[in-house]
Amino acid sequence: MTHTAERFDAVVVGAGFSGLYMLHRLRTMGFTVRVFEAGSDVGGTWYWNRYPGARCDSESIFYMFSDHVSEELLQEWNWSERFAAQPEILRYLQFVTDRLDLRRDIRFNTRVTGAMFDEAANEWEITTEQGTQVRASFLITAVGCLPSAVCRWQIFRNSAALIASKARGITPATGRTSRSASTASG
């Protein structure tokens, strides 16, 4: 019996600010998304860095998701300090995750160990530490600072292509526009 890898429009690696935002935005655009997170909860840097005195060096208000995500989120959260400490920033990210029901598309305690682009299929094959394989049209790494400009450019290009394809009405799974899909079906 042959096992078929689960298929998504996009896979996001990391569930910090960027990964959570990408999950939310891609979902609202109608994409199927899976997020893989090595930690046991959301937060990225704010999950991993728990040293004494860890806090943001920008005003807390700048650590909030904007009204482009949800006007209600802006109204529901109040920071206790002008420059929030790590525990409060982590609580905020947990609040956003729960409020937007993001956990259902995140696999925690899961490290991505490999990603190969299959040119023939025009999609990524992603492998996790547990041996799980998934396939996706787009792979978005949201793991923080990257070592090279080449990596950052590739990720930017992939993310921009994903958003542009949706704007043109292209369904990532088939590569067809909504017009060509309706023409093909009848």
C-alpha atoms as a PDB file:
ATOM      1  CA  MET A   1       0.000   0.000   0.000  1.00  0.00           C
ATOM      2  CA  THR A   2       1.423   3.376  -1.020  1.00  0.00           C
ATOM      3  CA  HIS A   3       1.074   6.233   1.446  1.00  0.00           C
ATOM      4  CA  THR A   4       0.251   9.616  -0.058  1.00  0.00           C
ATOM      5  CA  ALA A   5       1.734  12.666   1.669  1.00  0.00           C
ATOM      6  CA  GLU A   6      -0.759  15.142   3.067  1.00  0.00           C
ATOM      7  CA  ARG A   7      -1.085  18.158   0.735  1.00  0.00           C
ATOM      8  CA  PHE A   8      -1.337  21.870   1.624  1.00  0.00           C
ATOM      9  CA  ASP A   9      -1.164  25.070  -0.377  1.00  0.00           C
ATOM     10  CA  ALA A  10       1.493  26.366   2.032  1.00  0.00           C
ATOM     11  CA  VAL A  11       3.682  25.086   4.855  1.00  0.00           C
ATOM     12  CA  VAL A  12       5.019  27.584   7.386  1.00  0.00           C
ATOM     13  CA  VAL A  13       7.960  26.722   9.624  1.00  0.00           C
ATOM     14  CA  GLY A  14       7.775  28.518  12.973  1.00  0.00           C
ATOM     15  CA  ALA A  15       4.916  29.785  15.149  1.00  0.00           C
ATOM     16  CA  GLY A  16       6.255  33.127  16.345  1.00  0.00           C
ATOM     17  CA  PHE A  17       4.896  36.508  15.259  1.00  0.00           C
ATOM     18  CA  SER A  18       5.642  35.939  11.554  1.00  0.00           C
ATOM     19  CA  GLY A  19       4.410  32.359  11.400  1.00  0.00           C
ATOM     20  CA  LEU A  20       1.160  33.156  13.179  1.00  0.00           C
ATOM     21  CA  TYR A  21       0.559  36.164  10.950  1.00  0.00           C
ATOM     22  CA  MET A  22       1.231  34.114   7.788  1.00  0.00           C
ATOM     23  CA  LEU A  23      -1.133  31.375   8.974  1.00  0.00           C
ATOM     24  CA  HIS A  24      -3.898  33.871   9.639  1.00  0.00           C
ATOM     25  CA  ARG A  25      -3.428  35.824   6.389  1.00  0.00           C
ATOM     26  CA  LEU A  26      -3.180  32.741   4.185  1.00  0.00           C
ATOM     27  CA  ARG A  27      -6.268  31.219   5.790  1.00  0.00           C
ATOM     28  CA  THR A  28      -8.276  34.398   5.183  1.00  0.00           C
ATOM     29  CA  MET A  29      -7.205  34.192   1.529  1.00  0.00           C
ATOM     30  CA  GLY A  30      -8.575  30.659   1.280  1.00  0.00           C
ATOM     31  CA  PHE A  31      -5.330  28.672   1.360  1.00  0.00           C
ATOM     32  CA  THR A  32      -4.827  25.417   3.223  1.00  0.00           C
ATOM     33  CA  VAL A  33      -1.891  25.826   5.610  1.00  0.00           C
ATOM     34  CA  ARG A  34       0.124  23.688   8.002  1.00  0.00           C
ATOM     35  CA  VAL A  35       2.542  25.233  10.505  1.00  0.00           C
ATOM     36  CA  PHE A  36       5.341  23.191  12.070  1.00  0.00           C
ATOM     37  CA  GLU A  37       6.743  24.432  15.379  1.00  0.00           C
ATOM     38  CA  ALA A  38       9.651  22.833  17.285  1.00  0.00           C
ATOM     39  CA  GLY A  39       8.415  24.152  20.645  1.00  0.00           C
ATOM     40  CA  SER A  40       5.446  22.926  22.642  1.00  0.00           C
ATOM     41  CA  ASP A  41       3.607  26.241  22.215  1.00  0.00           C
ATOM     42  CA  VAL A  42       3.533  29.382  20.096  1.00  0.00           C
ATOM     43  CA  GLY A  43       5.819  32.339  20.620  1.00  0.00           C
ATOM     44  CA  GLY A  44       9.036  31.851  18.663  1.00  0.00           C
ATOM     45  CA  THR A  45      11.710  33.988  20.295  1.00  0.00           C
ATOM     46  CA  TRP A  46       9.338  34.773  23.131  1.00  0.00           C
ATOM     47  CA  TYR A  47       8.820  31.062  23.818  1.00  0.00           C
ATOM     48  CA  TRP A  48      12.512  30.092  23.714  1.00  0.00           C
ATOM     49  CA  ASN A  49      14.174  33.123  25.357  1.00  0.00           C
ATOM     50  CA  ARG A  50      13.105  33.041  28.988  1.00  0.00           C
ATOM     51  CA  TYR A  51      16.210  34.475  30.601  1.00  0.00           C
ATOM     52  CA  PRO A  52      15.799  36.908  33.511  1.00  0.00           C
ATOM     53  CA  GLY A  53      15.028  40.398  32.285  1.00  0.00           C
ATOM     54  CA  ALA A  54      14.017  39.400  28.721  1.00  0.00           C
ATOM     55  CA  ARG A  55      11.770  42.114  27.323  1.00  0.00           C
ATOM     56  CA  CYS A  56      11.129  44.065  24.150  1.00  0.00           C
ATOM     57  CA  ASP A  57      13.202  47.110  23.325  1.00  0.00           C
ATOM     58  CA  SER A  58      10.335  48.783  21.481  1.00  0.00           C
ATOM     59  CA  GLU A  59       7.110  50.013  22.991  1.00  0.00           C
ATOM     60  CA  SER A  60       4.694  47.161  23.623  1.00  0.00           C
ATOM     61  CA  ILE A  61       2.092  48.632  21.282  1.00  0.00           C
ATOM     62  CA  PHE A  62       4.435  47.885  18.355  1.00  0.00           C
ATOM     63  CA  TYR A  63       4.356  44.199  19.278  1.00  0.00           C
ATOM     64  CA  MET A  64       0.645  43.944  18.527  1.00  0.00           C
ATOM     65  CA  PHE A  65      -0.923  42.552  15.402  1.00  0.00           C
ATOM     66  CA  SER A  66      -2.409  45.447  13.468  1.00  0.00           C
ATOM     67  CA  ASP A  67      -6.016  46.180  12.666  1.00  0.00           C
ATOM     68  CA  HIS A  68      -5.399  44.342   9.371  1.00  0.00           C
ATOM     69  CA  VAL A  69      -5.734  41.161  11.425  1.00  0.00           C
ATOM     70  CA  SER A  70      -8.582  42.158  13.722  1.00  0.00           C
ATOM     71  CA  GLU A  71      -9.785  45.466  15.106  1.00  0.00           C
ATOM     72  CA  GLU A  72     -11.197  43.516  18.052  1.00  0.00           C
ATOM     73  CA  LEU A  73      -7.741  42.180  18.967  1.00  0.00           C
ATOM     74  CA  LEU A  74      -6.506  45.755  19.296  1.00  0.00           C
ATOM     75  CA  GLN A  75      -9.363  46.556  21.658  1.00  0.00           C
ATOM     76  CA  GLU A  76      -9.209  43.369  23.746  1.00  0.00           C
ATOM     77  CA  TRP A  77      -5.555  43.478  24.811  1.00  0.00           C
ATOM     78  CA  ASN A  78      -3.987  45.986  27.178  1.00  0.00           C
ATOM     79  CA  TRP A  79      -0.284  45.947  27.949  1.00  0.00           C
ATOM     80  CA  SER A  80       0.684  46.306  31.588  1.00  0.00           C
ATOM     81  CA  GLU A  81       4.005  48.009  30.784  1.00  0.00           C
ATOM     82  CA  ARG A  82       5.322  50.381  28.155  1.00  0.00           C
ATOM     83  CA  PHE A  83       8.167  47.901  27.340  1.00  0.00           C
ATOM     84  CA  ALA A  84       6.670  44.463  27.963  1.00  0.00           C
ATOM     85  CA  ALA A  85       8.599  41.605  29.531  1.00  0.00           C
ATOM     86  CA  GLN A  86       8.878  38.161  27.903  1.00  0.00           C
ATOM     87  CA  PRO A  87       6.064  36.482  29.893  1.00  0.00           C
ATOM     88  CA  GLU A  88       3.528  39.110  28.843  1.00  0.00           C
ATOM     89  CA  ILE A  89       4.567  39.018  25.174  1.00  0.00           C
ATOM     90  CA  LEU A  90       4.216  35.234  25.238  1.00  0.00           C
ATOM     91  CA  ARG A  91       0.751  35.531  26.843  1.00  0.00           C
ATOM     92  CA  TYR A  92      -0.215  37.988  24.103  1.00  0.00           C
ATOM     93  CA  LEU A  93       0.836  35.540  21.363  1.00  0.00           C
ATOM     94  CA  GLN A  94      -1.092  32.750  23.095  1.00  0.00           C
ATOM     95  CA  PHE A  95      -4.129  35.049  23.319  1.00  0.00           C
ATOM     96  CA  VAL A  96      -3.959  35.875  19.595  1.00  0.00           C
ATOM     97  CA  THR A  97      -3.497  32.200  18.715  1.00  0.00           C
ATOM     98  CA  ASP A  98      -6.535  31.152  20.703  1.00  0.00           C
ATOM     99  CA  ARG A  99      -8.670  34.113  19.679  1.00  0.00           C
ATOM    100  CA  LEU A 100      -8.052  33.422  15.957  1.00  0.00           C
ATOM    101  CA  ASP A 101      -8.269  29.616  16.415  1.00  0.00           C
ATOM    102  CA  LEU A 102      -4.812  29.092  14.920  1.00  0.00           C
ATOM    103  CA  ARG A 103      -3.796  26.033  16.975  1.00  0.00           C
ATOM    104  CA  ARG A 104      -5.779  23.623  14.796  1.00  0.00           C
ATOM    105  CA  ASP A 105      -3.322  24.147  11.922  1.00  0.00           C
ATOM    106  CA  ILE A 106      -0.119  24.057  14.008  1.00  0.00           C
ATOM    107  CA  ARG A 107       1.824  20.896  14.781  1.00  0.00           C
ATOM    108  CA  PHE A 108       3.841  21.485  17.952  1.00  0.00           C
ATOM    109  CA  ASN A 109       6.954  19.576  19.028  1.00  0.00           C
ATOM    110  CA  THR A 110       7.689  19.039  15.352  1.00  0.00           C
ATOM    111  CA  ARG A 111      10.992  19.947  13.729  1.00  0.00           C
ATOM    112  CA  VAL A 112      11.338  20.184   9.966  1.00  0.00           C
ATOM    113  CA  THR A 113      14.408  18.188   8.962  1.00  0.00           C
ATOM    114  CA  GLY A 114      14.246  18.491   5.209  1.00  0.00           C
ATOM    115  CA  ALA A 115      12.633  20.291   2.316  1.00  0.00           C
ATOM    116  CA  MET A 116      13.175  19.438  -1.327  1.00  0.00           C
ATOM    117  CA  PHE A 117      11.594  21.179  -4.265  1.00  0.00           C
ATOM    118  CA  ASP A 118      10.130  18.732  -6.779  1.00  0.00           C
ATOM    119  CA  GLU A 119      10.418  20.638 -10.055  1.00  0.00           C
ATOM    120  CA  ALA A 120       8.326  18.123 -11.994  1.00  0.00           C
ATOM    121  CA  ALA A 121       5.411  18.520  -9.574  1.00  0.00           C
ATOM    122  CA  ASN A 122       6.197  22.208  -8.896  1.00  0.00           C
ATOM    123  CA  GLU A 123       5.896  21.729  -5.154  1.00  0.00           C
ATOM    124  CA  TRP A 124       7.868  21.232  -1.968  1.00  0.00           C
ATOM    125  CA  GLU A 125       8.215  17.939  -0.139  1.00  0.00           C
ATOM    126  CA  ILE A 126       8.756  18.664   3.531  1.00  0.00           C
ATOM    127  CA  THR A 127       9.927  16.040   6.037  1.00  0.00           C
ATOM    128  CA  THR A 128       9.698  16.257   9.816  1.00  0.00           C
ATOM    129  CA  GLU A 129      11.833  14.711  12.521  1.00  0.00           C
ATOM    130  CA  GLN A 130       9.069  12.136  13.086  1.00  0.00           C
ATOM    131  CA  GLY A 131       9.304  11.061   9.434  1.00  0.00           C
ATOM    132  CA  THR A 132       6.036  12.714   8.407  1.00  0.00           C
ATOM    133  CA  GLN A 133       6.042  13.984   4.833  1.00  0.00           C
ATOM    134  CA  VAL A 134       3.806  16.713   3.479  1.00  0.00           C
ATOM    135  CA  ARG A 135       3.690  18.452   0.130  1.00  0.00           C
ATOM    136  CA  ALA A 136       2.973  22.121  -0.547  1.00  0.00           C
ATOM    137  CA  SER A 137       3.126  24.637  -3.357  1.00  0.00           C
ATOM    138  CA  PHE A 138       4.807  27.137  -1.054  1.00  0.00           C
ATOM    139  CA  LEU A 139       7.269  26.809   1.823  1.00  0.00           C
ATOM    140  CA  ILE A 140       7.573  29.821   4.112  1.00  0.00           C
ATOM    141  CA  THR A 141      10.210  29.875   6.822  1.00  0.00           C
ATOM    142  CA  ALA A 142       9.241  32.081   9.725  1.00  0.00           C
ATOM    143  CA  VAL A 143      12.147  31.214  11.995  1.00  0.00           C
ATOM    144  CA  GLY A 144      13.671  34.624  12.531  1.00  0.00           C
ATOM    145  CA  CYS A 145      16.901  36.046  11.211  1.00  0.00           C
ATOM    146  CA  LEU A 146      18.410  34.135   8.337  1.00  0.00           C
ATOM    147  CA  PRO A 147      22.118  33.892   7.628  1.00  0.00           C
ATOM    148  CA  SER A 148      22.153  35.127   4.078  1.00  0.00           C
ATOM    149  CA  ALA A 149      20.472  37.614   1.800  1.00  0.00           C
ATOM    150  CA  VAL A 150      19.991  34.827  -0.757  1.00  0.00           C
ATOM    151  CA  CYS A 151      17.805  32.874   1.682  1.00  0.00           C
ATOM    152  CA  ARG A 152      15.807  35.976   2.598  1.00  0.00           C
ATOM    153  CA  TRP A 153      15.263  36.827  -1.071  1.00  0.00           C
ATOM    154  CA  GLN A 154      14.075  33.291  -1.895  1.00  0.00           C
ATOM    155  CA  ILE A 155      11.575  33.350   0.968  1.00  0.00           C
ATOM    156  CA  PHE A 156      10.343  36.800  -0.018  1.00  0.00           C
ATOM    157  CA  ARG A 157       9.972  35.654  -3.633  1.00  0.00           C
ATOM    158  CA  ASN A 158       8.015  32.534  -2.615  1.00  0.00           C
ATOM    159  CA  SER A 159       5.728  34.514  -0.305  1.00  0.00           C
ATOM    160  CA  ALA A 160       5.128  37.199  -2.928  1.00  0.00           C
ATOM    161  CA  ALA A 161       4.351  34.541  -5.548  1.00  0.00           C
ATOM    162  CA  LEU A 162       1.822  32.918  -3.225  1.00  0.00           C
ATOM    163  CA  ILE A 163      -0.026  36.156  -2.606  1.00  0.00           C
ATOM    164  CA  ALA A 164       0.145  37.157  -6.295  1.00  0.00           C
ATOM    165  CA  SER A 165      -1.242  33.792  -7.424  1.00  0.00           C
ATOM    166  CA  LYS A 166      -4.268  34.227  -5.156  1.00  0.00           C
ATOM    167  CA  ALA A 167      -4.779  37.771  -6.453  1.00  0.00           C
ATOM    168  CA  ARG A 168      -4.817  36.422 -10.030  1.00  0.00           C
ATOM    169  CA  GLY A 169      -7.341  33.749  -9.069  1.00  0.00           C
ATOM    170  CA  ILE A 170      -4.901  30.843  -9.446  1.00  0.00           C
ATOM    171  CA  THR A 171      -5.613  27.796  -7.332  1.00  0.00           C
ATOM    172  CA  PRO A 172      -2.195  26.642  -6.066  1.00  0.00           C
ATOM    173  CA  ALA A 173      -3.176  22.966  -5.981  1.00  0.00           C
ATOM    174  CA  THR A 174      -4.038  22.889  -9.697  1.00  0.00           C
ATOM    175  CA  GLY A 175      -2.270  25.921 -11.130  1.00  0.00           C
ATOM    176  CA  ARG A 176      -5.484  26.860 -12.939  1.00  0.00           C
ATOM    177  CA  THR A 177      -7.287  30.151 -12.734  1.00  0.00           C
ATOM    178  CA  SER A 178     -10.875  30.047 -11.527  1.00  0.00           C
ATOM    179  CA  ARG A 179     -11.906  30.819 -15.128  1.00  0.00           C
ATOM    180  CA  SER A 180      -9.866  27.956 -16.622  1.00  0.00           C
ATOM    181  CA  ALA A 181     -11.105  25.611 -13.875  1.00  0.00           C
ATOM    182  CA  SER A 182     -14.734  26.385 -14.720  1.00  0.00           C
ATOM    183  CA  THR A 183     -14.017  26.041 -18.446  1.00  0.00           C
ATOM    184  CA  ALA A 184     -12.320  22.699 -17.880  1.00  0.00           C
ATOM    185  CA  SER A 185     -15.262  21.354 -15.893  1.00  0.00           C
ATOM    186  CA  GLY A 186     -17.906  22.236 -18.339  1.00  0.00           C
END
